[in-house]
Amino acid sequence: SVDCSFSRGVCDWKQDADDDFDWNPADRDRGDGYYMAVPAFVGHKNDMGRLKLLLTDLKPKSSYCLIFSYRLAGEKVGKLRVFLANRKTAPVWEESKGKDEKWRTGKIEIFQGAETTNSVTFESERGKGKTGEIGVDNVILISGLCPED
């Protein structure tokens, strides 16, 4: 497994230069490191911020599971989407509202066929709300299929 979390991860994260705003580090409540977040008041409605995870060493014809923590806190905070590089058109995962401010776990299967996935993009779309944030943390890549809960 590969630890791509932000505090101590070994992965290559890049801010998208063509989007409307950047993701920023935010301190965790427990004080052990930080996560990446977009506060609700950044930008204008429907603005996008993209954070890209570059994957250089994935083996072709194998499967991986991307596991991450996420949180959508606040009324009408916006949307969080995940895109795989070889399928730019439609997100492989999307969440638009949090039931509460708790952290949840997202899982995405990445199948390496003839085309290999060389990046995963976390996209935040600004909503109408003025409070709260969209956050992502604890991004881990494991080989094989995603485990059942």
Protein backbone atom coordinates (compact mmCIF):
# COMPACT_ATOMS: atom_id res chain seq x y z
CA SER A 1 0.00 0.00 0.00
CA VAL A 2 1.13 3.56 -0.69
CA ASP A 3 0.45 6.35 1.79
CA CYS A 4 -0.58 9.51 -0.08
CA SER A 5 -1.81 11.40 2.97
CA PHE A 6 -0.66 14.98 3.14
CA SER A 7 1.32 15.12 6.38
CA ARG A 8 3.72 12.27 5.75
CA GLY A 9 2.78 10.80 2.39
CA VAL A 10 5.23 9.83 -0.32
CA CYS A 11 3.00 10.79 -3.23
CA ASP A 12 3.25 13.60 -5.74
CA TRP A 13 0.38 16.12 -5.34
CA LYS A 14 -0.08 19.07 -7.70
CA GLN A 15 -2.48 22.03 -7.71
CA ASP A 16 -4.18 22.50 -11.08
CA ALA A 17 -3.01 25.79 -12.62
CA ASP A 18 -6.12 26.21 -14.82
CA ASP A 19 -8.76 26.09 -12.08
CA ASP A 20 -10.32 28.91 -10.02
CA PHE A 21 -8.72 28.35 -6.59
CA ASP A 22 -6.25 26.13 -4.72
CA TRP A 23 -6.81 23.56 -2.00
CA ASN A 24 -5.05 24.56 1.21
CA PRO A 25 -3.66 22.68 4.20
CA ALA A 26 -5.87 22.80 7.32
CA ASP A 27 -4.84 21.61 10.78
CA ARG A 28 -6.51 18.51 12.14
CA ASP A 29 -8.51 18.84 15.36
CA ARG A 30 -6.23 16.39 17.16
CA GLY A 31 -3.16 18.34 16.07
CA ASP A 32 -1.50 15.38 14.31
CA GLY A 33 -0.74 16.82 10.92
CA TYR A 34 -3.11 18.36 8.42
CA TYR A 35 -5.61 17.64 5.66
CA MET A 36 -6.41 19.53 2.45
CA ALA A 37 -9.49 21.73 2.42
CA VAL A 38 -11.47 24.30 0.49
CA PRO A 39 -13.38 26.70 2.78
CA ALA A 40 -16.94 27.48 1.63
CA PHE A 41 -16.25 31.22 1.25
CA VAL A 42 -13.48 30.80 -1.35
CA GLY A 43 -14.35 31.85 -4.91
CA HIS A 44 -17.80 32.20 -6.45
CA LYS A 45 -20.63 29.71 -6.98
CA ASN A 46 -19.64 26.95 -9.45
CA ASP A 47 -15.91 27.84 -9.27
CA MET A 48 -13.65 24.75 -9.30
CA GLY A 49 -10.50 23.80 -7.45
CA ARG A 50 -8.55 20.71 -8.49
CA LEU A 51 -5.90 18.79 -6.61
CA LYS A 52 -4.14 16.13 -8.66
CA LEU A 53 -2.40 13.00 -7.40
CA LEU A 54 0.23 11.87 -9.90
CA LEU A 55 0.59 8.09 -10.09
CA THR A 56 3.73 7.06 -11.89
CA ASP A 57 4.40 3.46 -10.91
CA LEU A 58 1.10 1.64 -11.30
CA LYS A 59 1.53 -1.69 -13.10
CA PRO A 60 -0.59 -2.29 -16.22
CA LYS A 61 -3.31 -4.97 -16.12
CA SER A 62 -3.71 -4.88 -12.37
CA SER A 63 -6.28 -3.38 -10.04
CA TYR A 64 -5.91 -0.91 -7.19
CA CYS A 65 -8.14 0.58 -4.55
CA LEU A 66 -7.96 4.27 -3.66
CA ILE A 67 -9.28 4.85 -0.14
CA PHE A 68 -9.69 8.36 1.27
CA SER A 69 -11.42 10.30 4.02
CA TYR A 70 -13.64 13.19 3.02
CA ARG A 71 -15.97 15.67 4.61
CA LEU A 72 -18.57 18.10 3.28
CA ALA A 73 -19.38 20.37 6.19
CA GLY A 74 -21.85 23.24 5.94
CA GLU A 75 -25.12 24.07 4.23
CA LYS A 76 -24.90 24.04 0.39
CA VAL A 77 -21.10 23.78 0.58
CA GLY A 78 -20.76 22.37 -2.94
CA LYS A 79 -19.59 19.13 -4.55
CA LEU A 80 -16.57 16.88 -4.28
CA ARG A 81 -15.76 14.78 -7.34
CA VAL A 82 -12.99 12.36 -8.22
CA PHE A 83 -11.75 11.85 -11.79
CA LEU A 84 -9.34 9.26 -13.18
CA ALA A 85 -6.97 10.58 -15.83
CA ASN A 86 -7.96 8.21 -18.61
CA ARG A 87 -11.68 9.05 -18.15
CA LYS A 88 -11.70 12.83 -18.01
CA THR A 89 -15.33 13.31 -18.99
CA ALA A 90 -17.29 11.77 -16.11
CA PRO A 91 -16.34 11.59 -12.44
CA VAL A 92 -15.85 8.09 -11.01
CA TRP A 93 -17.10 9.35 -7.63
CA GLU A 94 -19.19 12.33 -6.53
CA GLU A 95 -20.71 13.59 -3.28
CA SER A 96 -22.73 16.77 -2.94
CA LYS A 97 -23.92 17.08 0.61
CA GLY A 98 -22.85 15.98 4.02
CA LYS A 99 -25.48 14.74 6.46
CA ASP A 100 -23.33 16.19 9.24
CA GLU A 101 -19.76 17.38 9.71
CA LYS A 102 -18.33 13.88 10.21
CA TRP A 103 -15.50 12.42 8.15
CA ARG A 104 -16.54 9.55 5.88
CA THR A 105 -14.61 7.04 3.80
CA GLY A 106 -14.64 6.95 0.00
CA LYS A 107 -13.37 4.02 -2.07
CA ILE A 108 -12.63 3.88 -5.78
CA GLU A 109 -11.56 0.87 -7.84
CA ILE A 110 -8.83 1.66 -10.35
CA PHE A 111 -8.45 -1.00 -13.05
CA GLN A 112 -5.27 -0.77 -15.07
CA GLY A 113 -6.12 -2.06 -18.52
CA ALA A 114 -4.21 -1.37 -21.71
CA GLU A 115 -4.36 2.32 -20.75
CA THR A 116 -2.94 3.02 -17.34
CA THR A 117 -4.31 5.62 -14.98
CA ASN A 118 -1.51 8.09 -14.30
CA SER A 119 -3.41 10.53 -12.09
CA VAL A 120 -6.41 10.95 -9.83
CA THR A 121 -7.99 14.40 -9.49
CA PHE A 122 -10.01 15.61 -6.49
CA GLU A 123 -12.26 18.43 -7.69
CA SER A 124 -14.14 20.78 -5.38
CA GLU A 125 -17.03 22.79 -6.82
CA ARG A 126 -18.11 25.82 -4.82
CA GLY A 127 -21.74 25.83 -3.73
CA LYS A 128 -24.05 28.64 -2.55
CA GLY A 129 -23.15 28.29 1.13
CA LYS A 130 -20.87 30.68 2.99
CA THR A 131 -19.84 28.45 5.90
CA GLY A 132 -18.14 25.10 6.23
CA GLU A 133 -15.61 23.40 4.00
CA ILE A 134 -14.84 20.47 1.76
CA GLY A 135 -11.95 18.39 3.07
CA VAL A 136 -9.90 15.38 1.94
CA ASP A 137 -7.45 13.37 4.05
CA ASN A 138 -5.76 9.99 4.53
CA VAL A 139 -5.45 9.09 0.86
CA ILE A 140 -4.11 5.54 0.54
CA LEU A 141 -3.59 3.36 -2.50
CA ILE A 142 -3.57 -0.42 -2.07
CA SER A 143 -3.13 -3.05 -4.72
CA GLY A 144 -6.05 -5.38 -5.40
CA LEU A 145 -9.78 -4.83 -5.15
CA CYS A 146 -11.33 -2.58 -2.52
CA PRO A 147 -12.11 -4.42 0.72
CA GLU A 148 -15.71 -4.72 1.87
CA ASP A 149 -16.54 -2.53 4.88
